[in-house]
Amino acid sequence: MEDVFVPEVNCFDEGGSARFGLAPSLDAMLRAGVGCKMGLAALDCVVTSGMSDHVGGGVFRYCVDPDIREPHFEKMLMDQASTALALSSGYCVARDPTRKQRLSHA
């Protein structure tokens, strides 16, 4: 995962300009205790960037720009569920009240 992680924006690049949250991978990293700092940073990016639907709640599938501001307006149930699981794992790792609050809005 480190080879596709973009630290400037705390997200993942799979070879193009699109940026992905990769919530299932983040959840697995956090549960395994591997790359927790990177995983938490990426999870924060998902819920605070253009991937987050600030109007209707939940998350968009990915962003189409490298700065993670313009979402691809597609929301899928599997992304909502995997993001909620990753947020839960993130809270268990960090025990940060802000993460708990984000989980309640996912």
PDB file of N, CA and C in Angstrom:
ATOM      1  N   MET A   1       0.824  -1.196   0.000  1.00  0.00           N
ATOM      2  CA  MET A   1       0.000   0.000   0.000  1.00  0.00           C
ATOM      3  C   MET A   1       0.868   1.260   0.000  1.00  0.00           C
ATOM      4  N   GLU A   2       2.036   1.184   0.613  1.00  0.00           N
ATOM      5  CA  GLU A   2       2.886   2.367   0.682  1.00  0.00           C
ATOM      6  C   GLU A   2       3.321   2.847  -0.697  1.00  0.00           C
ATOM      7  N   ASP A   3       3.422   1.920  -1.657  1.00  0.00           N
ATOM      8  CA  ASP A   3       3.884   2.315  -2.986  1.00  0.00           C
ATOM      9  C   ASP A   3       2.846   3.114  -3.770  1.00  0.00           C
ATOM     10  N   VAL A   4       1.581   3.078  -3.384  1.00  0.00           N
ATOM     11  CA  VAL A   4       0.544   3.868  -4.059  1.00  0.00           C
ATOM     12  C   VAL A   4      -0.004   4.979  -3.165  1.00  0.00           C
ATOM     13  N   PHE A   5       0.566   5.143  -1.962  1.00  0.00           N
ATOM     14  CA  PHE A   5       0.123   6.189  -1.036  1.00  0.00           C
ATOM     15  C   PHE A   5       0.749   7.513  -1.427  1.00  0.00           C
ATOM     16  N   VAL A   6      -0.053   8.571  -1.482  1.00  0.00           N
ATOM     17  CA  VAL A   6       0.423   9.912  -1.820  1.00  0.00           C
ATOM     18  C   VAL A   6       0.355  10.752  -0.543  1.00  0.00           C
ATOM     19  N   PRO A   7       1.495  10.912   0.156  1.00  0.00           N
ATOM     20  CA  PRO A   7       1.467  11.593   1.459  1.00  0.00           C
ATOM     21  C   PRO A   7       1.029  13.057   1.401  1.00  0.00           C
ATOM     22  N   GLU A   8       1.214  13.720   0.273  1.00  0.00           N
ATOM     23  CA  GLU A   8       0.824  15.128   0.172  1.00  0.00           C
ATOM     24  C   GLU A   8      -0.681  15.315   0.345  1.00  0.00           C
ATOM     25  N   VAL A   9      -1.449  14.312  -0.034  1.00  0.00           N
ATOM     26  CA  VAL A   9      -2.907  14.414   0.078  1.00  0.00           C
ATOM     27  C   VAL A   9      -3.504  13.290   0.932  1.00  0.00           C
ATOM     28  N   ASN A  10      -2.645  12.423   1.495  1.00  0.00           N
ATOM     29  CA  ASN A  10      -3.081  11.325   2.367  1.00  0.00           C
ATOM     30  C   ASN A  10      -4.116  10.419   1.717  1.00  0.00           C
ATOM     31  N   CYS A  11      -3.853  10.046   0.487  1.00  0.00           N
ATOM     32  CA  CYS A  11      -4.771   9.166  -0.216  1.00  0.00           C
ATOM     33  C   CYS A  11      -3.984   8.258  -1.155  1.00  0.00           C
ATOM     34  N   PHE A  12      -4.680   7.451  -1.918  1.00  0.00           N
ATOM     35  CA  PHE A  12      -4.034   6.460  -2.772  1.00  0.00           C
ATOM     36  C   PHE A  12      -4.244   6.773  -4.242  1.00  0.00           C
ATOM     37  N   ASP A  13      -3.204   6.557  -5.027  1.00  0.00           N
ATOM     38  CA  ASP A  13      -3.217   6.797  -6.459  1.00  0.00           C
ATOM     39  C   ASP A  13      -2.921   5.473  -7.140  1.00  0.00           C
ATOM     40  N   GLU A  14      -3.818   5.051  -7.991  1.00  0.00           N
ATOM     41  CA  GLU A  14      -3.618   3.778  -8.678  1.00  0.00           C
ATOM     42  C   GLU A  14      -3.174   3.991 -10.120  1.00  0.00           C
ATOM     43  N   GLY A  15      -2.341   4.998 -10.348  1.00  0.00           N
ATOM     44  CA  GLY A  15      -1.742   5.180 -11.655  1.00  0.00           C
ATOM     45  C   GLY A  15      -2.358   6.245 -12.540  1.00  0.00           C
ATOM     46  N   GLY A  16      -3.379   6.919 -12.105  1.00  0.00           N
ATOM     47  CA  GLY A  16      -3.990   7.974 -12.902  1.00  0.00           C
ATOM     48  C   GLY A  16      -4.192   9.205 -12.063  1.00  0.00           C
ATOM     49  N   SER A  17      -5.085  10.064 -12.503  1.00  0.00           N
ATOM     50  CA  SER A  17      -5.341  11.268 -11.717  1.00  0.00           C
ATOM     51  C   SER A  17      -6.399  11.034 -10.650  1.00  0.00           C
ATOM     52  N   ALA A  18      -7.113   9.910 -10.724  1.00  0.00           N
ATOM     53  CA  ALA A  18      -8.154   9.628  -9.733  1.00  0.00           C
ATOM     54  C   ALA A  18      -7.530   9.230  -8.403  1.00  0.00           C
ATOM     55  N   ARG A  19      -8.201   9.582  -7.326  1.00  0.00           N
ATOM     56  CA  ARG A  19      -7.748   9.237  -5.974  1.00  0.00           C
ATOM     57  C   ARG A  19      -8.827   8.395  -5.309  1.00  0.00           C
ATOM     58  N   PHE A  20      -8.391   7.330  -4.667  1.00  0.00           N
ATOM     59  CA  PHE A  20      -9.306   6.385  -4.052  1.00  0.00           C
ATOM     60  C   PHE A  20      -9.107   6.326  -2.545  1.00  0.00           C
ATOM     61  N   GLY A  21     -10.186   6.069  -1.817  1.00  0.00           N
ATOM     62  CA  GLY A  21     -10.103   5.905  -0.375  1.00  0.00           C
ATOM     63  C   GLY A  21      -9.668   4.513   0.031  1.00  0.00           C
ATOM     64  N   LEU A  22     -10.077   3.492  -0.725  1.00  0.00           N
ATOM     65  CA  LEU A  22      -9.721   2.093  -0.467  1.00  0.00           C
ATOM     66  C   LEU A  22     -10.056   1.656   0.956  1.00  0.00           C
ATOM     67  N   ALA A  23     -11.278   1.924   1.375  1.00  0.00           N
ATOM     68  CA  ALA A  23     -11.702   1.635   2.743  1.00  0.00           C
ATOM     69  C   ALA A  23     -11.495   0.182   3.170  1.00  0.00           C
ATOM     70  N   PRO A  24     -11.766  -0.836   2.323  1.00  0.00           N
ATOM     71  CA  PRO A  24     -11.525  -2.213   2.786  1.00  0.00           C
ATOM     72  C   PRO A  24     -10.057  -2.460   3.138  1.00  0.00           C
ATOM     73  N   SER A  25      -9.159  -1.902   2.356  1.00  0.00           N
ATOM     74  CA  SER A  25      -7.727  -2.051   2.649  1.00  0.00           C
ATOM     75  C   SER A  25      -7.344  -1.292   3.913  1.00  0.00           C
ATOM     76  N   LEU A  26      -7.917  -0.107   4.087  1.00  0.00           N
ATOM     77  CA  LEU A  26      -7.650   0.673   5.298  1.00  0.00           C
ATOM     78  C   LEU A  26      -8.125  -0.086   6.530  1.00  0.00           C
ATOM     79  N   ASP A  27      -9.296  -0.670   6.446  1.00  0.00           N
ATOM     80  CA  ASP A  27      -9.839  -1.434   7.562  1.00  0.00           C
ATOM     81  C   ASP A  27      -8.912  -2.599   7.902  1.00  0.00           C
ATOM     82  N   ALA A  28      -8.456  -3.326   6.893  1.00  0.00           N
ATOM     83  CA  ALA A  28      -7.548  -4.463   7.128  1.00  0.00           C
ATOM     84  C   ALA A  28      -6.235  -4.004   7.751  1.00  0.00           C
ATOM     85  N   MET A  29      -5.702  -2.878   7.275  1.00  0.00           N
ATOM     86  CA  MET A  29      -4.450  -2.345   7.841  1.00  0.00           C
ATOM     87  C   MET A  29      -4.628  -1.994   9.307  1.00  0.00           C
ATOM     88  N   LEU A  30      -5.712  -1.310   9.612  1.00  0.00           N
ATOM     89  CA  LEU A  30      -5.945  -0.867  10.988  1.00  0.00           C
ATOM     90  C   LEU A  30      -6.196  -2.048  11.916  1.00  0.00           C
ATOM     91  N   ARG A  31      -6.941  -3.034  11.455  1.00  0.00           N
ATOM     92  CA  ARG A  31      -7.205  -4.219  12.276  1.00  0.00           C
ATOM     93  C   ARG A  31      -5.937  -5.028  12.534  1.00  0.00           C
ATOM     94  N   ALA A  32      -5.051  -5.063  11.532  1.00  0.00           N
ATOM     95  CA  ALA A  32      -3.808  -5.826  11.666  1.00  0.00           C
ATOM     96  C   ALA A  32      -2.726  -5.035  12.399  1.00  0.00           C
ATOM     97  N   GLY A  33      -2.954  -3.740  12.577  1.00  0.00           N
ATOM     98  CA  GLY A  33      -1.952  -2.905  13.241  1.00  0.00           C
ATOM     99  C   GLY A  33      -0.765  -2.593  12.347  1.00  0.00           C
ATOM    100  N   VAL A  34      -0.962  -2.683  11.044  1.00  0.00           N
ATOM    101  CA  VAL A  34       0.100  -2.427  10.076  1.00  0.00           C
ATOM    102  C   VAL A  34      -0.166  -1.093   9.391  1.00  0.00           C
ATOM    103  N   GLY A  35       0.790  -0.199   9.410  1.00  0.00           N
ATOM    104  CA  GLY A  35       0.628   1.081   8.740  1.00  0.00           C
ATOM    105  C   GLY A  35      -0.469   1.940   9.326  1.00  0.00           C
ATOM    106  N   CYS A  36      -0.633   1.906  10.643  1.00  0.00           N
ATOM    107  CA  CYS A  36      -1.745   2.631  11.275  1.00  0.00           C
ATOM    108  C   CYS A  36      -1.685   4.135  11.039  1.00  0.00           C
ATOM    109  N   LYS A  37      -0.499   4.710  11.076  1.00  0.00           N
ATOM    110  CA  LYS A  37      -0.391   6.156  10.879  1.00  0.00           C
ATOM    111  C   LYS A  37      -0.859   6.525   9.467  1.00  0.00           C
ATOM    112  N   MET A  38      -0.406   5.765   8.470  1.00  0.00           N
ATOM    113  CA  MET A  38      -0.823   5.999   7.098  1.00  0.00           C
ATOM    114  C   MET A  38      -2.318   5.719   6.942  1.00  0.00           C
ATOM    115  N   GLY A  39      -2.799   4.655   7.544  1.00  0.00           N
ATOM    116  CA  GLY A  39      -4.210   4.300   7.453  1.00  0.00           C
ATOM    117  C   GLY A  39      -5.117   5.348   8.058  1.00  0.00           C
ATOM    118  N   LEU A  40      -4.747   5.865   9.217  1.00  0.00           N
ATOM    119  CA  LEU A  40      -5.554   6.903   9.865  1.00  0.00           C
ATOM    120  C   LEU A  40      -5.535   8.188   9.049  1.00  0.00           C
ATOM    121  N   ALA A  41      -4.382   8.537   8.489  1.00  0.00           N
ATOM    122  CA  ALA A  41      -4.287   9.745   7.658  1.00  0.00           C
ATOM    123  C   ALA A  41      -5.166   9.611   6.421  1.00  0.00           C
ATOM    124  N   ALA A  42      -5.136   8.441   5.792  1.00  0.00           N
ATOM    125  CA  ALA A  42      -5.951   8.217   4.604  1.00  0.00           C
ATOM    126  C   ALA A  42      -7.436   8.226   4.955  1.00  0.00           C
ATOM    127  N   LEU A  43      -7.783   7.653   6.083  1.00  0.00           N
ATOM    128  CA  LEU A  43      -9.176   7.641   6.518  1.00  0.00           C
ATOM    129  C   LEU A  43      -9.671   9.058   6.798  1.00  0.00           C
ATOM    130  N   ASP A  44      -8.830   9.871   7.407  1.00  0.00           N
ATOM    131  CA  ASP A  44      -9.182  11.276   7.626  1.00  0.00           C
ATOM    132  C   ASP A  44      -9.410  11.982   6.295  1.00  0.00           C
ATOM    133  N   CYS A  45      -8.580  11.654   5.311  1.00  0.00           N
ATOM    134  CA  CYS A  45      -8.730  12.248   3.985  1.00  0.00           C
ATOM    135  C   CYS A  45     -10.083  11.897   3.389  1.00  0.00           C
ATOM    136  N   VAL A  46     -10.482  10.652   3.517  1.00  0.00           N
ATOM    137  CA  VAL A  46     -11.761  10.201   2.949  1.00  0.00           C
ATOM    138  C   VAL A  46     -12.921  10.997   3.522  1.00  0.00           C
ATOM    139  N   VAL A  47     -12.924  11.238   4.823  1.00  0.00           N
ATOM    140  CA  VAL A  47     -14.080  11.886   5.452  1.00  0.00           C
ATOM    141  C   VAL A  47     -14.015  13.409   5.455  1.00  0.00           C
ATOM    142  N   THR A  48     -12.887  13.997   5.063  1.00  0.00           N
ATOM    143  CA  THR A  48     -12.803  15.461   5.061  1.00  0.00           C
ATOM    144  C   THR A  48     -12.595  16.048   3.668  1.00  0.00           C
ATOM    145  N   SER A  49     -12.362  15.219   2.666  1.00  0.00           N
ATOM    146  CA  SER A  49     -12.061  15.713   1.319  1.00  0.00           C
ATOM    147  C   SER A  49     -13.306  15.716   0.440  1.00  0.00           C
ATOM    148  N   GLY A  50     -13.073  15.844  -0.842  1.00  0.00           N
ATOM    149  CA  GLY A  50     -14.158  15.802  -1.815  1.00  0.00           C
ATOM    150  C   GLY A  50     -14.832  14.447  -1.907  1.00  0.00           C
ATOM    151  N   MET A  51     -14.229  13.411  -1.324  1.00  0.00           N
ATOM    152  CA  MET A  51     -14.864  12.098  -1.326  1.00  0.00           C
ATOM    153  C   MET A  51     -16.060  12.050  -0.387  1.00  0.00           C
ATOM    154  N   SER A  52     -16.079  12.934   0.577  1.00  0.00           N
ATOM    155  CA  SER A  52     -17.173  12.974   1.546  1.00  0.00           C
ATOM    156  C   SER A  52     -18.343  13.769   0.964  1.00  0.00           C
ATOM    157  N   ASP A  53     -19.530  13.196   1.050  1.00  0.00           N
ATOM    158  CA  ASP A  53     -20.736  13.892   0.603  1.00  0.00           C
ATOM    159  C   ASP A  53     -21.221  14.750   1.764  1.00  0.00           C
ATOM    160  N   HIS A  54     -20.870  16.017   1.728  1.00  0.00           N
ATOM    161  CA  HIS A  54     -21.177  16.927   2.829  1.00  0.00           C
ATOM    162  C   HIS A  54     -22.661  17.298   2.881  1.00  0.00           C
ATOM    163  N   VAL A  55     -23.392  17.025   1.821  1.00  0.00           N
ATOM    164  CA  VAL A  55     -24.809  17.355   1.780  1.00  0.00           C
ATOM    165  C   VAL A  55     -25.666  16.152   2.168  1.00  0.00           C
ATOM    166  N   GLY A  56     -25.461  15.032   1.496  1.00  0.00           N
ATOM    167  CA  GLY A  56     -26.305  13.864   1.714  1.00  0.00           C
ATOM    168  C   GLY A  56     -25.731  12.825   2.649  1.00  0.00           C
ATOM    169  N   GLY A  57     -24.493  13.026   3.110  1.00  0.00           N
ATOM    170  CA  GLY A  57     -23.836  12.057   3.972  1.00  0.00           C
ATOM    171  C   GLY A  57     -23.199  10.935   3.172  1.00  0.00           C
ATOM    172  N   GLY A  58     -22.351  10.181   3.823  1.00  0.00           N
ATOM    173  CA  GLY A  58     -21.671   9.082   3.158  1.00  0.00           C
ATOM    174  C   GLY A  58     -20.469   9.551   2.354  1.00  0.00           C
ATOM    175  N   VAL A  59     -19.987   8.669   1.479  1.00  0.00           N
ATOM    176  CA  VAL A  59     -18.803   8.977   0.681  1.00  0.00           C
ATOM    177  C   VAL A  59     -19.041   8.629  -0.784  1.00  0.00           C
ATOM    178  N   PHE A  60     -18.367   9.382  -1.633  1.00  0.00           N
ATOM    179  CA  PHE A  60     -18.361   9.060  -3.052  1.00  0.00           C
ATOM    180  C   PHE A  60     -17.285   8.012  -3.294  1.00  0.00           C
ATOM    181  N   ARG A  61     -17.373   7.338  -4.416  1.00  0.00           N
ATOM    182  CA  ARG A  61     -16.466   6.235  -4.731  1.00  0.00           C
ATOM    183  C   ARG A  61     -15.015   6.699  -4.837  1.00  0.00           C
ATOM    184  N   TYR A  62     -14.780   7.808  -5.514  1.00  0.00           N
ATOM    185  CA  TYR A  62     -13.429   8.342  -5.662  1.00  0.00           C
ATOM    186  C   TYR A  62     -13.500   9.772  -6.157  1.00  0.00           C
ATOM    187  N   CYS A  63     -12.353  10.438  -6.191  1.00  0.00           N
ATOM    188  CA  CYS A  63     -12.256  11.786  -6.743  1.00  0.00           C
ATOM    189  C   CYS A  63     -11.518  11.722  -8.071  1.00  0.00           C
ATOM    190  N   VAL A  64     -11.882  12.592  -8.974  1.00  0.00           N
ATOM    191  CA  VAL A  64     -11.307  12.559 -10.312  1.00  0.00           C
ATOM    192  C   VAL A  64     -10.113  13.488 -10.483  1.00  0.00           C
ATOM    193  N   ASP A  65      -9.799  14.258  -9.478  1.00  0.00           N
ATOM    194  CA  ASP A  65      -8.665  15.168  -9.566  1.00  0.00           C
ATOM    195  C   ASP A  65      -7.609  14.802  -8.534  1.00  0.00           C
ATOM    196  N   PRO A  66      -6.348  15.131  -8.807  1.00  0.00           N
ATOM    197  CA  PRO A  66      -5.273  14.764  -7.873  1.00  0.00           C
ATOM    198  C   PRO A  66      -5.336  15.472  -6.521  1.00  0.00           C
ATOM    199  N   ASP A  67      -6.056  16.586  -6.435  1.00  0.00           N
ATOM    200  CA  ASP A  67      -6.147  17.335  -5.176  1.00  0.00           C
ATOM    201  C   ASP A  67      -7.309  16.875  -4.299  1.00  0.00           C
ATOM    202  N   ILE A  68      -8.049  15.901  -4.733  1.00  0.00           N
ATOM    203  CA  ILE A  68      -9.169  15.299  -3.999  1.00  0.00           C
ATOM    204  C   ILE A  68     -10.232  16.332  -3.633  1.00  0.00           C
ATOM    205  N   ARG A  69     -10.619  17.102  -4.632  1.00  0.00           N
ATOM    206  CA  ARG A  69     -11.667  18.096  -4.424  1.00  0.00           C
ATOM    207  C   ARG A  69     -12.928  17.789  -5.219  1.00  0.00           C
ATOM    208  N   GLU A  70     -12.763  17.157  -6.379  1.00  0.00           N
ATOM    209  CA  GLU A  70     -13.899  16.924  -7.273  1.00  0.00           C
ATOM    210  C   GLU A  70     -14.276  15.440  -7.281  1.00  0.00           C
ATOM    211  N   PRO A  71     -15.398  15.115  -6.664  1.00  0.00           N
ATOM    212  CA  PRO A  71     -15.780  13.698  -6.597  1.00  0.00           C
ATOM    213  C   PRO A  71     -16.350  13.193  -7.919  1.00  0.00           C
ATOM    214  N   HIS A  72     -16.218  11.919  -8.111  1.00  0.00           N
ATOM    215  CA  HIS A  72     -16.958  11.237  -9.166  1.00  0.00           C
ATOM    216  C   HIS A  72     -18.301  10.931  -8.511  1.00  0.00           C
ATOM    217  N   PHE A  73     -19.354  11.531  -8.995  1.00  0.00           N
ATOM    218  CA  PHE A  73     -20.633  11.482  -8.287  1.00  0.00           C
ATOM    219  C   PHE A  73     -21.294  10.111  -8.415  1.00  0.00           C
ATOM    220  N   GLU A  74     -20.675   9.157  -7.766  1.00  0.00           N
ATOM    221  CA  GLU A  74     -21.199   7.791  -7.723  1.00  0.00           C
ATOM    222  C   GLU A  74     -21.045   7.306  -6.286  1.00  0.00           C
ATOM    223  N   LYS A  75     -22.135   6.842  -5.723  1.00  0.00           N
ATOM    224  CA  LYS A  75     -22.095   6.303  -4.368  1.00  0.00           C
ATOM    225  C   LYS A  75     -22.593   4.868  -4.429  1.00  0.00           C
ATOM    226  N   MET A  76     -21.849   3.988  -3.783  1.00  0.00           N
ATOM    227  CA  MET A  76     -22.228   2.583  -3.789  1.00  0.00           C
ATOM    228  C   MET A  76     -22.356   2.094  -2.355  1.00  0.00           C
ATOM    229  N   LEU A  77     -23.322   1.233  -2.139  1.00  0.00           N
ATOM    230  CA  LEU A  77     -23.579   0.713  -0.803  1.00  0.00           C
ATOM    231  C   LEU A  77     -22.347   0.037  -0.214  1.00  0.00           C
ATOM    232  N   MET A  78     -21.602  -0.707  -1.027  1.00  0.00           N
ATOM    233  CA  MET A  78     -20.422  -1.396  -0.495  1.00  0.00           C
ATOM    234  C   MET A  78     -19.377  -0.396   0.000  1.00  0.00           C
ATOM    235  N   ASP A  79     -19.276   0.762  -0.653  1.00  0.00           N
ATOM    236  CA  ASP A  79     -18.334   1.785  -0.192  1.00  0.00           C
ATOM    237  C   ASP A  79     -18.786   2.394   1.131  1.00  0.00           C
ATOM    238  N   GLN A  80     -20.094   2.581   1.274  1.00  0.00           N
ATOM    239  CA  GLN A  80     -20.618   3.142   2.521  1.00  0.00           C
ATOM    240  C   GLN A  80     -20.336   2.185   3.677  1.00  0.00           C
ATOM    241  N   ALA A  81     -20.593   0.906   3.460  1.00  0.00           N
ATOM    242  CA  ALA A  81     -20.387  -0.099   4.511  1.00  0.00           C
ATOM    243  C   ALA A  81     -18.915  -0.260   4.847  1.00  0.00           C
ATOM    244  N   SER A  82     -18.061  -0.332   3.839  1.00  0.00           N
ATOM    245  CA  SER A  82     -16.627  -0.529   4.116  1.00  0.00           C
ATOM    246  C   SER A  82     -16.020   0.707   4.767  1.00  0.00           C
ATOM    247  N   THR A  83     -16.519   1.892   4.424  1.00  0.00           N
ATOM    248  CA  THR A  83     -16.027   3.107   5.076  1.00  0.00           C
ATOM    249  C   THR A  83     -16.448   3.133   6.544  1.00  0.00           C
ATOM    250  N   ALA A  84     -17.679   2.715   6.825  1.00  0.00           N
ATOM    251  CA  ALA A  84     -18.137   2.658   8.219  1.00  0.00           C
ATOM    252  C   ALA A  84     -17.297   1.665   9.030  1.00  0.00           C
ATOM    253  N   LEU A  85     -16.968   0.528   8.445  1.00  0.00           N
ATOM    254  CA  LEU A  85     -16.108  -0.444   9.135  1.00  0.00           C
ATOM    255  C   LEU A  85     -14.717   0.124   9.376  1.00  0.00           C
ATOM    256  N   ALA A  86     -14.166   0.789   8.361  1.00  0.00           N
ATOM    257  CA  ALA A  86     -12.833   1.384   8.516  1.00  0.00           C
ATOM    258  C   ALA A  86     -12.843   2.488   9.571  1.00  0.00           C
ATOM    259  N   LEU A  87     -13.901   3.294   9.596  1.00  0.00           N
ATOM    260  CA  LEU A  87     -14.016   4.335  10.624  1.00  0.00           C
ATOM    261  C   LEU A  87     -14.086   3.713  12.012  1.00  0.00           C
ATOM    262  N   SER A  88     -14.801   2.619  12.132  1.00  0.00           N
ATOM    263  CA  SER A  88     -14.892   1.916  13.412  1.00  0.00           C
ATOM    264  C   SER A  88     -13.525   1.403  13.846  1.00  0.00           C
ATOM    265  N   SER A  89     -12.791   0.807  12.925  1.00  0.00           N
ATOM    266  CA  SER A  89     -11.439   0.330  13.238  1.00  0.00           C
ATOM    267  C   SER A  89     -10.515   1.491  13.584  1.00  0.00           C
ATOM    268  N   GLY A  90     -10.672   2.605  12.856  1.00  0.00           N
ATOM    269  CA  GLY A  90      -9.867   3.793  13.151  1.00  0.00           C
ATOM    270  C   GLY A  90     -10.128   4.316  14.545  1.00  0.00           C
ATOM    271  N   TYR A  91     -11.380   4.294  14.960  1.00  0.00           N
ATOM    272  CA  TYR A  91     -11.712   4.731  16.319  1.00  0.00           C
ATOM    273  C   TYR A  91     -11.104   3.780  17.345  1.00  0.00           C
ATOM    274  N   CYS A  92     -11.174   2.482  17.090  1.00  0.00           N
ATOM    275  CA  CYS A  92     -10.597   1.500  18.025  1.00  0.00           C
ATOM    276  C   CYS A  92      -9.089   1.675  18.178  1.00  0.00           C
ATOM    277  N   VAL A  93      -8.423   2.077  17.111  1.00  0.00           N
ATOM    278  CA  VAL A  93      -6.967   2.280  17.155  1.00  0.00           C
ATOM    279  C   VAL A  93      -6.626   3.577  17.872  1.00  0.00           C
ATOM    280  N   ALA A  94      -7.301   4.668  17.500  1.00  0.00           N
ATOM    281  CA  ALA A  94      -6.916   5.997  17.988  1.00  0.00           C
ATOM    282  C   ALA A  94      -7.669   6.446  19.231  1.00  0.00           C
ATOM    283  N   ARG A  95      -8.871   5.926  19.468  1.00  0.00           N
ATOM    284  CA  ARG A  95      -9.711   6.349  20.607  1.00  0.00           C
ATOM    285  C   ARG A  95      -9.886   7.860  20.654  1.00  0.00           C
ATOM    286  N   ASP A  96     -10.072   8.440  19.477  1.00  0.00           N
ATOM    287  CA  ASP A  96     -10.222   9.883  19.337  1.00  0.00           C
ATOM    288  C   ASP A  96     -11.712  10.209  19.214  1.00  0.00           C
ATOM    289  N   PRO A  97     -12.247  11.103  20.051  1.00  0.00           N
ATOM    290  CA  PRO A  97     -13.676  11.433  19.988  1.00  0.00           C
ATOM    291  C   PRO A  97     -14.116  11.962  18.617  1.00  0.00           C
ATOM    292  N   THR A  98     -13.213  12.644  17.905  1.00  0.00           N
ATOM    293  CA  THR A  98     -13.553  13.148  16.572  1.00  0.00           C
ATOM    294  C   THR A  98     -13.852  11.991  15.634  1.00  0.00           C
ATOM    295  N   ARG A  99     -13.081  10.926  15.742  1.00  0.00           N
ATOM    296  CA  ARG A  99     -13.321   9.747  14.895  1.00  0.00           C
ATOM    297  C   ARG A  99     -14.656   9.090  15.230  1.00  0.00           C
ATOM    298  N   LYS A 100     -15.015   9.089  16.501  1.00  0.00           N
ATOM    299  CA  LYS A 100     -16.307   8.523  16.907  1.00  0.00           C
ATOM    300  C   LYS A 100     -17.448   9.354  16.319  1.00  0.00           C
ATOM    301  N   GLN A 101     -17.292  10.660  16.344  1.00  0.00           N
ATOM    302  CA  GLN A 101     -18.296  11.552  15.778  1.00  0.00           C
ATOM    303  C   GLN A 101     -18.424  11.324  14.270  1.00  0.00           C
ATOM    304  N   ARG A 102     -17.303  11.175  13.579  1.00  0.00           N
ATOM    305  CA  ARG A 102     -17.345  10.910  12.133  1.00  0.00           C
ATOM    306  C   ARG A 102     -18.039   9.598  11.835  1.00  0.00           C
ATOM    307  N   LEU A 103     -17.830   8.622  12.688  1.00  0.00           N
ATOM    308  CA  LEU A 103     -18.481   7.322  12.506  1.00  0.00           C
ATOM    309  C   LEU A 103     -19.995   7.458  12.619  1.00  0.00           C
ATOM    310  N   SER A 104     -20.452   8.289  13.523  1.00  0.00           N
ATOM    311  CA  SER A 104     -21.905   8.451  13.693  1.00  0.00           C
ATOM    312  C   SER A 104     -22.546   9.173  12.498  1.00  0.00           C
ATOM    313  N   HIS A 105     -21.731   9.860  11.693  1.00  0.00           N
ATOM    314  CA  HIS A 105     -22.271  10.562  10.503  1.00  0.00           C
ATOM    315  C   HIS A 105     -22.052   9.775   9.221  1.00  0.00           C
ATOM    316  N   ALA A 106     -21.410   8.616   9.314  1.00  0.00           N
ATOM    317  CA  ALA A 106     -21.120   7.829   8.095  1.00  0.00           C
ATOM    318  C   ALA A 106     -22.360   7.149   7.570  1.00  0.00           C
TER     319      ALA A 106
END
